[in-house]
Amino acid sequence: MFAWFGILNSLDYFFAISGKSVLFYSYMYYFSLPWFVCQTFIFFFAYRISYTYRAFTTFGISSLLLLLIIEFSYILADDAAYITVAVLIFLLGCNTSVLSASVMGLASLLPGKYIGALTLGMGFAGLIPCIVKLLTLWIWGPSTWESFLVLMLMSVVISLACIGAVLALENNKFAQYYFSASSSPASPTYSPKLTDRLLNRNLNKKLNEESHVLVASPRNYSIGNIINNTRRDIRHREREIEKEKEKEKTNKVVEFNFNWDESEENEQSHQQAPAQPKMNFEIKAKEVVEKQVEVPEKEEVYGAKASVLGVVKQAYLPLGLQFVNNFITWMMFPGVIIFAIHAEASLPWTIVFHCALFNIFSLLGNFMPNYGILDIRTLSLIIVARFVFFYTTPQTLLHCVFYDVCDNGSCYYMSSIFANSIFRYVNTSIFSFTHGYCFTCLAILAPGSISKKSPDRDSELEMAGHLVSCMIAFGMTIGYILCEIIYMDYVPFNYCVETTVS
């Protein structure tokens, strides 16, 4: 996500080299549309590929595409630059679809509280480019090339670093505690999790039960406690294995073979009185071989025991609300809140400040589920309320003040309370905070809706994560398109206070 947010923070540079105002919108759905469409094909083939190969390949392709964007945007200009960059962003969206769906599917195999770490990462991916943008503007002034170059090079470095992180993840004991990065639940060669390999299935079954608590306290949610608890459980399981091995050493079958040595007895009978018979004990120890539990092989086709329809039936409400939440967010931001035609948008720092506020408060919203997750009905009310408020408020209160226009004796203005730019910043902050909170809660609730009694729960959890990613991309795409259709040339005179000039 860092690469995409870097591109969003470089739209001023793309606008400068091509002179097309439509860039503020078109590049968004050049990226989000293939992101959504390509994910539909993942259900048919990508699940058979291990997470390691998926992430390794996609991060490598992202690095190459970002370098090409830097090269061609610097060399070309006008229409050639616009078309070339658009094609590269389209390919980047296709590539991101595989990576995003894979990461979300992988996170869904973890307990619900772990998904908050993923959404926090997405929040930081949006915040850091904004900070870099502010720093470059402060150092180099309004120049756009330097900030664009820094953001793209940082994206390349992060992508390459993630390749190394993926390779380390495959052998990480904490990761293996919950999933196998070298395969996928849908793969016919799926290797079991560390929890399945460490203990016999009939030994202390309670240790294999994962708690999916949807309302987590701050203590249970902290990263330090998560790591410590995981380390404790791993050590506990390893101690249980050692105990089992000790039992195996002592649990041996001893066979006694009683053999009379008759030849020796006959020789002694001629010389002396019969002696006591001599008994030779032959002791043979046979080690007990532990019976291995046969694990049924996974079917080659993904979801042999789990269907997309079955997962949707279980998690349709959080999935649908995830789509609506993202649709509202990206229809209103940045189109209504930032890029609507008004005088404030021409100020050099305005757009950057709005983007920074959006990402800061969205990150805070992502973090708030640490202190508790609201039920699905309350989240539904929040989403409906933010749509009604933020759809009407910008039109009635935010636009008019920036129109100092008199037409045929009528002038349009707003009261001084809403004329202050601080009011717009407050609206952006509330809007982004509610987005981040609902986004994280719904991402946790979707996999949490899958039944624990499912015969192939790993596959269903993975599919639920992929569907969450699909809803995010679908909401972004529809929101961007409607944003351009409705607000590209929107002039809200009808909502403004009108006075007659003598």
Protein backbone atom coordinates (compact mmCIF):
# COMPACT_ATOMS: atom_id res chain seq x y z
CA MET A 1 0.00 0.00 0.00
CA PHE A 2 2.96 2.34 0.47
CA ALA A 3 3.55 2.48 -3.29
CA TRP A 4 -0.08 3.40 -3.98
CA PHE A 5 -0.15 6.14 -1.34
CA GLY A 6 3.12 7.42 -2.75
CA ILE A 7 1.45 7.77 -6.15
CA LEU A 8 -1.55 9.55 -4.60
CA ASN A 9 0.81 12.05 -2.98
CA SER A 10 2.51 12.62 -6.34
CA LEU A 11 -0.59 13.55 -8.35
CA ASP A 12 0.60 17.15 -8.44
CA TYR A 13 3.71 15.98 -10.32
CA PHE A 14 1.69 13.96 -12.84
CA PHE A 15 -0.57 16.96 -13.32
CA ALA A 16 2.47 19.18 -13.95
CA ILE A 17 3.95 16.94 -16.67
CA SER A 18 0.70 16.22 -18.50
CA GLY A 19 -1.56 19.18 -17.76
CA LYS A 20 -4.63 16.96 -17.40
CA SER A 21 -6.89 17.76 -14.45
CA VAL A 22 -8.62 14.39 -14.88
CA LEU A 23 -5.49 12.80 -13.41
CA PHE A 24 -6.79 13.58 -9.97
CA TYR A 25 -9.47 10.96 -10.57
CA SER A 26 -8.53 8.73 -13.50
CA TYR A 27 -5.31 7.37 -12.03
CA MET A 28 -7.28 6.29 -8.99
CA TYR A 29 -9.56 3.90 -10.83
CA TYR A 30 -6.82 2.90 -13.27
CA PHE A 31 -5.35 1.33 -10.14
CA SER A 32 -8.44 0.23 -8.19
CA LEU A 33 -10.45 -1.26 -11.08
CA PRO A 34 -7.86 -3.91 -12.08
CA TRP A 35 -7.24 -4.49 -8.39
CA PHE A 36 -10.85 -5.57 -8.02
CA VAL A 37 -11.24 -7.42 -11.34
CA CYS A 38 -8.04 -9.44 -11.04
CA GLN A 39 -9.02 -10.69 -7.60
CA THR A 40 -11.93 -12.58 -9.14
CA PHE A 41 -9.44 -14.79 -10.99
CA ILE A 42 -7.42 -15.50 -7.87
CA PHE A 43 -10.14 -17.84 -6.65
CA PHE A 44 -9.36 -20.17 -9.57
CA PHE A 45 -5.59 -20.45 -9.55
CA ALA A 46 -3.63 -18.30 -7.10
CA TYR A 47 -4.70 -20.26 -4.02
CA ARG A 48 -2.68 -23.22 -5.24
CA ILE A 49 0.51 -21.16 -5.08
CA SER A 50 2.37 -20.79 -1.79
CA TYR A 51 2.31 -17.46 0.00
CA THR A 52 6.07 -17.23 -0.29
CA TYR A 53 6.08 -17.38 -4.09
CA ARG A 54 3.07 -15.08 -4.38
CA ALA A 55 4.57 -12.35 -2.22
CA PHE A 56 8.10 -12.78 -3.60
CA THR A 57 6.89 -12.36 -7.19
CA THR A 58 4.50 -9.47 -6.60
CA PHE A 59 6.97 -7.40 -4.58
CA GLY A 60 9.57 -7.90 -7.30
CA ILE A 61 7.15 -6.82 -10.03
CA SER A 62 6.10 -3.78 -7.97
CA SER A 63 9.72 -2.66 -7.69
CA LEU A 64 10.19 -2.94 -11.44
CA LEU A 65 6.98 -1.05 -12.26
CA LEU A 66 7.85 1.77 -9.86
CA LEU A 67 11.26 2.19 -11.48
CA LEU A 68 9.60 2.32 -14.91
CA ILE A 69 7.16 4.99 -13.68
CA ILE A 70 10.11 7.12 -12.54
CA GLU A 71 11.91 6.63 -15.86
CA PHE A 72 9.05 7.29 -18.28
CA SER A 73 7.49 10.15 -16.33
CA TYR A 74 10.86 11.94 -16.39
CA ILE A 75 11.58 11.32 -20.08
CA LEU A 76 8.13 11.77 -21.59
CA ALA A 77 5.70 14.65 -21.39
CA ASP A 78 2.11 15.62 -22.18
CA ASP A 79 -0.07 12.85 -23.63
CA ALA A 80 2.77 10.32 -23.92
CA ALA A 81 3.56 10.64 -20.22
CA TYR A 82 -0.10 10.44 -19.24
CA ILE A 83 -0.79 7.27 -21.27
CA THR A 84 2.44 5.51 -20.30
CA VAL A 85 2.04 6.19 -16.59
CA ALA A 86 -1.64 5.16 -16.79
CA VAL A 87 -0.66 1.78 -18.30
CA LEU A 88 2.02 1.23 -15.65
CA ILE A 89 -0.43 2.12 -12.86
CA PHE A 90 -2.95 -0.30 -14.38
CA LEU A 91 -0.35 -3.09 -14.25
CA LEU A 92 0.55 -2.07 -10.71
CA GLY A 93 -3.12 -2.44 -9.76
CA CYS A 94 -3.22 -5.95 -11.25
CA ASN A 95 -0.09 -6.88 -9.33
CA THR A 96 -1.38 -5.38 -6.10
CA SER A 97 -4.59 -7.40 -6.36
CA VAL A 98 -2.65 -10.65 -5.91
CA LEU A 99 -0.56 -9.26 -3.07
CA SER A 100 -3.43 -7.57 -1.21
CA ALA A 101 -5.73 -10.58 -1.41
CA SER A 102 -2.93 -12.92 -0.33
CA VAL A 103 -1.98 -10.82 2.69
CA MET A 104 -5.60 -10.40 3.78
CA GLY A 105 -6.22 -14.13 3.33
CA LEU A 106 -3.11 -14.92 5.34
CA ALA A 107 -4.16 -12.55 8.14
CA SER A 108 -7.56 -14.24 8.31
CA LEU A 109 -5.89 -17.49 9.37
CA LEU A 110 -4.81 -15.71 12.56
CA PRO A 111 -7.07 -14.98 15.53
CA GLY A 112 -9.25 -11.93 14.94
CA LYS A 113 -7.28 -9.59 17.16
CA TYR A 114 -4.20 -10.03 14.97
CA ILE A 115 -5.92 -8.44 11.95
CA GLY A 116 -5.60 -5.08 13.69
CA ALA A 117 -1.86 -5.27 13.05
CA LEU A 118 -2.58 -5.50 9.31
CA THR A 119 -4.87 -2.47 9.29
CA LEU A 120 -2.35 -0.52 11.37
CA GLY A 121 0.25 -1.31 8.73
CA MET A 122 -2.07 0.02 6.06
CA GLY A 123 -2.55 3.16 8.16
CA PHE A 124 1.19 3.75 8.45
CA ALA A 125 1.51 3.16 4.70
CA GLY A 126 -0.78 6.14 4.19
CA LEU A 127 0.72 8.34 6.89
CA ILE A 128 4.43 8.05 6.08
CA PRO A 129 4.13 9.28 2.44
CA CYS A 130 2.23 12.34 3.71
CA ILE A 131 5.00 13.10 6.18
CA VAL A 132 7.61 12.67 3.45
CA LYS A 133 5.58 14.96 1.19
CA LEU A 134 5.48 17.67 3.87
CA LEU A 135 9.23 17.36 4.48
CA THR A 136 10.10 17.58 0.79
CA LEU A 137 7.88 20.63 0.36
CA TRP A 138 9.58 22.22 3.33
CA ILE A 139 13.09 21.43 2.05
CA TRP A 140 12.73 21.99 -1.70
CA GLY A 141 9.70 24.27 -1.76
CA PRO A 142 6.80 23.76 -4.17
CA SER A 143 8.95 21.69 -6.55
CA THR A 144 7.19 18.42 -7.39
CA TRP A 145 9.97 16.34 -8.97
CA GLU A 146 12.04 15.91 -5.80
CA SER A 147 9.12 14.76 -3.65
CA PHE A 148 7.95 12.40 -6.40
CA LEU A 149 11.43 10.89 -6.75
CA VAL A 150 11.87 10.41 -3.01
CA LEU A 151 8.47 8.72 -2.62
CA MET A 152 9.00 6.36 -5.54
CA LEU A 153 12.51 5.37 -4.45
CA MET A 154 11.27 4.74 -0.91
CA SER A 155 8.54 2.53 -2.37
CA VAL A 156 11.12 0.51 -4.30
CA VAL A 157 13.32 0.05 -1.24
CA ILE A 158 10.35 -1.03 0.90
CA SER A 159 9.24 -3.53 -1.76
CA LEU A 160 12.70 -5.06 -1.91
CA ALA A 161 12.89 -5.20 1.89
CA CYS A 162 9.55 -7.00 1.96
CA ILE A 163 10.99 -9.74 -0.24
CA GLY A 164 13.53 -10.49 2.47
CA ALA A 165 10.80 -10.31 5.10
CA VAL A 166 8.72 -12.89 3.23
CA LEU A 167 11.64 -15.29 3.08
CA ALA A 168 12.22 -14.84 6.81
CA LEU A 169 8.52 -15.35 7.49
CA GLU A 170 8.59 -18.85 6.04
CA ASN A 171 10.94 -20.05 8.78
CA ASN A 172 9.65 -17.87 11.60
CA LYS A 173 8.43 -19.93 14.55
CA PHE A 174 5.82 -17.37 15.57
CA ALA A 175 4.36 -17.37 12.07
CA GLN A 176 4.43 -21.16 11.86
CA TYR A 177 2.41 -21.25 15.05
CA TYR A 178 -0.66 -20.22 13.04
CA PHE A 179 -0.01 -20.91 9.37
CA SER A 180 2.42 -22.30 6.83
CA ALA A 181 3.82 -19.60 4.55
CA SER A 182 5.28 -22.21 2.21
CA SER A 183 1.82 -23.37 1.13
CA SER A 184 -1.85 -22.49 1.14
CA PRO A 185 -4.85 -24.30 2.64
CA ALA A 186 -6.09 -24.75 -0.92
CA SER A 187 -2.88 -26.36 -2.13
CA PRO A 188 -2.74 -30.17 -2.48
CA THR A 189 0.69 -30.00 -0.82
CA TYR A 190 -0.52 -27.92 2.12
CA SER A 191 1.75 -28.49 5.10
CA PRO A 192 0.19 -28.37 8.56
CA LYS A 193 0.65 -25.54 11.00
CA LEU A 194 3.15 -25.78 13.81
CA THR A 195 0.25 -26.31 16.21
CA ASP A 196 -0.62 -29.49 14.29
CA ARG A 197 2.96 -30.75 14.08
CA LEU A 198 3.97 -30.12 17.67
CA LEU A 199 1.40 -32.28 19.44
CA ASN A 200 -0.54 -35.44 18.89
CA ARG A 201 -4.14 -34.68 18.01
CA ASN A 202 -5.42 -36.66 21.00
CA LEU A 203 -3.04 -34.98 23.46
CA ASN A 204 -4.40 -32.05 25.41
CA LYS A 205 -6.89 -30.89 22.83
CA LYS A 206 -7.44 -27.65 24.70
CA LEU A 207 -4.02 -26.44 23.61
CA ASN A 208 -5.10 -26.58 19.98
CA GLU A 209 -8.19 -24.47 20.50
CA GLU A 210 -7.70 -20.88 19.37
CA SER A 211 -9.83 -18.21 21.04
CA HIS A 212 -11.44 -15.79 18.60
CA VAL A 213 -12.47 -13.06 21.03
CA LEU A 214 -14.10 -10.19 19.16
CA VAL A 215 -14.04 -7.74 22.08
CA ALA A 216 -10.42 -7.51 23.17
CA SER A 217 -9.05 -5.58 26.11
CA PRO A 218 -5.94 -3.38 25.62
CA ARG A 219 -3.86 -5.90 27.58
CA ASN A 220 -4.86 -8.81 25.36
CA TYR A 221 -4.39 -6.76 22.21
CA SER A 222 -0.89 -5.37 22.85
CA ILE A 223 1.79 -6.64 20.50
CA GLY A 224 4.12 -7.41 23.41
CA ASN A 225 1.55 -9.64 25.10
CA ILE A 226 0.75 -11.36 21.82
CA ILE A 227 4.42 -12.25 21.30
CA ASN A 228 4.90 -13.32 24.92
CA ASN A 229 1.76 -15.46 24.92
CA THR A 230 2.76 -17.10 21.66
CA ARG A 231 6.26 -17.80 22.96
CA ARG A 232 4.78 -19.27 26.14
CA ASP A 233 2.44 -21.56 24.21
CA ILE A 234 5.22 -22.74 21.91
CA ARG A 235 7.43 -23.60 24.89
CA HIS A 236 4.51 -25.38 26.55
CA ARG A 237 3.93 -27.47 23.46
CA GLU A 238 7.61 -28.30 23.14
CA ARG A 239 7.73 -29.43 26.78
CA GLU A 240 4.75 -31.68 26.13
CA ILE A 241 6.64 -33.22 23.22
CA GLU A 242 9.65 -33.91 25.45
CA LYS A 243 7.38 -35.60 27.99
CA GLU A 244 5.94 -37.80 25.26
CA LYS A 245 9.43 -38.80 24.14
CA GLU A 246 10.40 -39.72 27.70
CA LYS A 247 7.32 -41.91 27.97
CA GLU A 248 8.26 -43.65 24.74
CA LYS A 249 11.71 -44.54 26.08
CA THR A 250 10.31 -46.16 29.22
CA ASN A 251 7.34 -47.80 27.54
CA LYS A 252 9.13 -50.76 26.00
CA VAL A 253 8.00 -54.32 25.51
CA VAL A 254 10.34 -56.89 27.00
CA GLU A 255 10.25 -60.49 25.73
CA PHE A 256 11.64 -63.28 27.83
CA ASN A 257 12.76 -66.40 25.92
CA PHE A 258 13.26 -69.38 28.25
CA ASN A 259 15.71 -71.82 26.58
CA TRP A 260 16.91 -75.01 28.26
CA ASP A 261 20.49 -75.88 27.38
CA GLU A 262 19.99 -79.68 27.15
CA SER A 263 23.45 -80.57 25.72
CA GLU A 264 25.24 -79.08 28.67
CA GLU A 265 22.88 -80.90 31.07
CA ASN A 266 23.63 -84.31 29.44
CA GLU A 267 27.39 -83.87 29.76
CA GLN A 268 27.14 -83.05 33.44
CA SER A 269 24.86 -86.04 34.17
CA HIS A 270 27.67 -88.54 33.44
CA GLN A 271 30.14 -86.89 35.77
CA GLN A 272 28.09 -85.80 38.76
CA ALA A 273 24.70 -85.57 40.24
CA PRO A 274 22.11 -83.80 38.28
CA ALA A 275 22.49 -80.11 38.62
CA GLN A 276 19.90 -77.41 38.51
CA PRO A 277 18.93 -76.60 34.97
CA LYS A 278 20.55 -73.50 33.52
CA MET A 279 18.31 -70.89 32.17
CA ASN A 280 19.44 -68.35 29.54
CA PHE A 281 17.48 -65.19 29.33
CA GLU A 282 17.44 -63.47 26.03
CA ILE A 283 15.99 -60.00 26.41
CA LYS A 284 14.87 -58.23 23.36
CA ALA A 285 13.61 -54.65 23.58
CA LYS A 286 11.29 -53.40 21.01
CA GLU A 287 10.68 -49.63 20.80
CA VAL A 288 7.13 -48.50 20.46
CA VAL A 289 6.64 -46.69 17.22
CA GLU A 290 4.26 -43.79 17.53
CA LYS A 291 1.31 -44.09 15.29
CA GLN A 292 1.14 -41.21 12.95
CA VAL A 293 -2.17 -39.54 12.50
CA GLU A 294 -3.18 -39.64 8.92
CA VAL A 295 -4.20 -36.21 7.66
CA PRO A 296 -6.43 -36.27 4.63
CA GLU A 297 -4.89 -34.62 1.63
CA LYS A 298 -6.37 -31.38 0.44
CA GLU A 299 -8.29 -31.45 -2.77
CA GLU A 300 -6.55 -29.87 -5.72
CA VAL A 301 -9.41 -27.50 -6.45
CA TYR A 302 -9.70 -24.62 -4.02
CA GLY A 303 -12.61 -24.75 -1.63
CA ALA A 304 -13.44 -28.42 -2.11
CA LYS A 305 -15.28 -28.29 1.22
CA ALA A 306 -15.86 -24.52 1.18
CA SER A 307 -17.62 -22.50 -1.47
CA VAL A 308 -17.65 -18.76 -2.04
CA LEU A 309 -21.41 -18.77 -1.58
CA GLY A 310 -21.07 -20.61 1.72
CA VAL A 311 -18.58 -18.06 3.04
CA VAL A 312 -20.74 -15.15 1.85
CA LYS A 313 -23.77 -16.62 3.64
CA GLN A 314 -21.83 -16.64 6.90
CA ALA A 315 -20.15 -13.23 6.58
CA TYR A 316 -22.43 -11.29 4.22
CA LEU A 317 -23.15 -8.48 6.70
CA PRO A 318 -19.55 -7.45 7.56
CA LEU A 319 -18.54 -7.92 3.90
CA GLY A 320 -21.40 -5.73 2.66
CA LEU A 321 -20.70 -3.05 5.26
CA GLN A 322 -17.01 -3.11 4.33
CA PHE A 323 -17.97 -2.30 0.75
CA VAL A 324 -20.34 0.51 1.82
CA ASN A 325 -17.77 1.98 4.21
CA ASN A 326 -15.06 2.16 1.52
CA PHE A 327 -17.52 3.36 -1.10
CA ILE A 328 -18.55 6.30 1.10
CA THR A 329 -14.96 7.14 1.99
CA TRP A 330 -13.53 7.25 -1.52
CA MET A 331 -16.56 8.93 -3.07
CA MET A 332 -16.24 11.79 -0.56
CA PHE A 333 -12.46 11.85 -0.19
CA PRO A 334 -10.60 13.39 -1.86
CA GLY A 335 -13.25 14.50 -4.38
CA VAL A 336 -15.70 16.40 -2.18
CA ILE A 337 -13.49 17.30 0.74
CA ILE A 338 -10.39 18.39 -1.19
CA PHE A 339 -10.64 18.57 -4.95
CA ALA A 340 -14.02 20.29 -5.36
CA ILE A 341 -13.47 23.57 -7.15
CA HIS A 342 -12.97 26.28 -4.54
CA ALA A 343 -10.45 28.96 -3.73
CA GLU A 344 -8.83 27.11 -0.84
CA ALA A 345 -7.64 24.28 -3.09
CA SER A 346 -5.28 26.67 -4.85
CA LEU A 347 -3.25 27.20 -1.68
CA PRO A 348 0.02 25.20 -1.77
CA TRP A 349 -0.37 23.44 1.58
CA THR A 350 -4.13 22.84 1.70
CA ILE A 351 -4.32 19.50 -0.09
CA VAL A 352 -1.26 18.16 1.73
CA PHE A 353 -2.72 19.13 5.11
CA HIS A 354 -6.02 17.44 4.32
CA CYS A 355 -4.26 14.24 3.19
CA ALA A 356 -2.09 14.25 6.32
CA LEU A 357 -5.09 14.73 8.60
CA PHE A 358 -6.96 11.97 6.80
CA ASN A 359 -4.15 9.48 7.28
CA ILE A 360 -3.37 10.47 10.87
CA PHE A 361 -6.93 10.10 12.09
CA SER A 362 -7.53 7.03 9.97
CA LEU A 363 -4.54 5.45 11.72
CA LEU A 364 -6.00 6.39 15.10
CA GLY A 365 -9.27 4.81 14.02
CA ASN A 366 -7.43 1.63 13.06
CA PHE A 367 -5.93 1.53 16.54
CA MET A 368 -9.14 2.11 18.50
CA PRO A 369 -10.45 -1.50 18.19
CA ASN A 370 -7.70 -2.31 20.71
CA TYR A 371 -10.09 -0.94 23.31
CA GLY A 372 -13.14 -2.82 22.11
CA ILE A 373 -15.14 -3.65 19.00
CA LEU A 374 -18.73 -2.51 18.65
CA ASP A 375 -21.42 -4.91 17.53
CA ILE A 376 -22.46 -5.08 13.89
CA ARG A 377 -25.66 -3.06 14.38
CA THR A 378 -23.82 -0.13 15.95
CA LEU A 379 -21.26 -0.18 13.15
CA SER A 380 -24.11 -0.10 10.64
CA LEU A 381 -25.56 3.01 12.29
CA ILE A 382 -22.15 4.72 12.26
CA ILE A 383 -21.71 4.03 8.55
CA VAL A 384 -25.20 5.34 7.70
CA ALA A 385 -24.66 8.42 9.87
CA ARG A 386 -21.30 9.28 8.29
CA PHE A 387 -22.81 8.95 4.82
CA VAL A 388 -25.75 11.26 5.61
CA PHE A 389 -23.66 13.83 7.45
CA PHE A 390 -20.64 13.98 5.19
CA TYR A 391 -22.70 13.87 2.01
CA THR A 392 -24.86 16.84 3.00
CA THR A 393 -22.44 18.89 5.12
CA PRO A 394 -19.80 19.57 2.44
CA GLN A 395 -22.49 20.68 0.01
CA THR A 396 -24.40 22.93 2.38
CA LEU A 397 -21.64 24.26 4.60
CA LEU A 398 -18.23 23.79 3.04
CA HIS A 399 -18.45 24.86 -0.59
CA CYS A 400 -20.27 28.17 -0.60
CA VAL A 401 -17.79 30.13 1.44
CA PHE A 402 -15.15 29.67 -1.25
CA TYR A 403 -17.31 31.17 -3.99
CA ASP A 404 -16.96 34.92 -4.10
CA VAL A 405 -19.15 35.22 -7.16
CA CYS A 406 -21.88 37.66 -8.07
CA ASP A 407 -24.11 36.69 -10.96
CA ASN A 408 -26.87 38.97 -12.23
CA GLY A 409 -26.99 40.87 -8.98
CA SER A 410 -26.93 37.77 -6.72
CA CYS A 411 -23.95 36.97 -4.53
CA TYR A 412 -23.20 33.71 -2.75
CA TYR A 413 -21.59 33.54 0.65
CA MET A 414 -21.63 31.66 3.95
CA SER A 415 -21.61 32.70 7.59
CA SER A 416 -18.30 33.37 9.30
CA ILE A 417 -18.63 30.27 11.52
CA PHE A 418 -18.17 27.89 8.62
CA ALA A 419 -15.93 30.20 6.62
CA ASN A 420 -12.89 29.19 8.65
CA SER A 421 -10.67 26.51 7.12
CA ILE A 422 -10.39 24.86 10.54
CA PHE A 423 -13.98 23.69 10.14
CA ARG A 424 -12.98 21.79 7.01
CA TYR A 425 -10.00 20.23 8.79
CA VAL A 426 -12.25 19.09 11.66
CA ASN A 427 -14.62 17.47 9.17
CA THR A 428 -11.76 15.67 7.46
CA SER A 429 -10.50 14.39 10.82
CA ILE A 430 -13.88 13.02 11.94
CA PHE A 431 -14.52 11.52 8.51
CA SER A 432 -11.20 9.66 8.45
CA PHE A 433 -11.40 8.51 12.09
CA THR A 434 -14.78 6.84 11.58
CA HIS A 435 -13.49 5.24 8.38
CA GLY A 436 -10.45 3.71 10.10
CA TYR A 437 -12.43 2.38 13.05
CA CYS A 438 -15.19 0.79 10.96
CA PHE A 439 -12.62 -0.57 8.49
CA THR A 440 -10.69 -2.46 11.18
CA CYS A 441 -13.75 -3.71 13.06
CA LEU A 442 -15.36 -5.11 9.91
CA ALA A 443 -12.08 -6.71 8.78
CA ILE A 444 -12.00 -8.57 12.11
CA LEU A 445 -15.69 -9.49 12.14
CA ALA A 446 -15.72 -11.04 8.64
CA PRO A 447 -13.37 -14.00 9.37
CA GLY A 448 -14.81 -14.17 12.88
CA SER A 449 -18.20 -15.01 11.36
CA ILE A 450 -16.94 -18.33 9.98
CA SER A 451 -18.24 -21.30 11.94
CA LYS A 452 -15.71 -23.15 14.09
CA LYS A 453 -17.39 -26.44 13.15
CA SER A 454 -16.58 -26.04 9.47
CA PRO A 455 -14.96 -29.19 7.96
CA ASP A 456 -12.39 -27.07 6.11
CA ARG A 457 -12.15 -23.97 8.27
CA ASP A 458 -8.69 -22.89 7.10
CA SER A 459 -9.90 -22.62 3.51
CA GLU A 460 -13.02 -20.73 4.56
CA LEU A 461 -11.02 -18.30 6.69
CA GLU A 462 -8.61 -17.68 3.83
CA MET A 463 -11.48 -17.12 1.42
CA ALA A 464 -13.13 -14.70 3.86
CA GLY A 465 -9.93 -12.64 3.92
CA HIS A 466 -9.82 -12.55 0.14
CA LEU A 467 -13.45 -11.42 0.01
CA VAL A 468 -12.66 -8.60 2.45
CA SER A 469 -9.92 -7.43 0.09
CA CYS A 470 -12.39 -7.66 -2.83
CA MET A 471 -14.92 -5.49 -1.00
CA ILE A 472 -12.25 -2.89 -0.23
CA ALA A 473 -11.18 -2.69 -3.88
CA PHE A 474 -14.76 -2.74 -5.17
CA GLY A 475 -15.79 0.08 -2.84
CA MET A 476 -12.77 2.15 -3.86
CA THR A 477 -13.48 1.66 -7.57
CA ILE A 478 -17.17 2.58 -7.47
CA GLY A 479 -16.44 5.49 -5.13
CA TYR A 480 -13.74 6.94 -7.39
CA ILE A 481 -15.91 6.68 -10.50
CA LEU A 482 -18.95 8.30 -8.88
CA CYS A 483 -16.71 10.96 -7.38
CA GLU A 484 -15.62 12.01 -10.85
CA ILE A 485 -19.12 11.83 -12.32
CA ILE A 486 -20.77 13.85 -9.54
CA TYR A 487 -18.11 16.27 -8.35
CA MET A 488 -15.65 16.84 -11.16
CA ASP A 489 -17.36 20.06 -12.28
CA TYR A 490 -19.71 20.47 -9.36
CA VAL A 491 -20.76 24.07 -8.59
CA PRO A 492 -23.07 24.10 -5.55
CA PHE A 493 -24.76 27.47 -6.05
CA ASN A 494 -28.13 25.98 -5.19
CA TYR A 495 -26.96 25.24 -1.64
CA CYS A 496 -25.52 28.67 -0.92
CA VAL A 497 -27.04 31.60 0.92
CA GLU A 498 -28.13 34.18 -1.62
CA THR A 499 -28.33 37.92 -1.17
CA THR A 500 -29.26 40.64 -3.60
CA VAL A 501 -26.72 43.31 -4.38
CA SER A 502 -28.10 46.75 -5.07
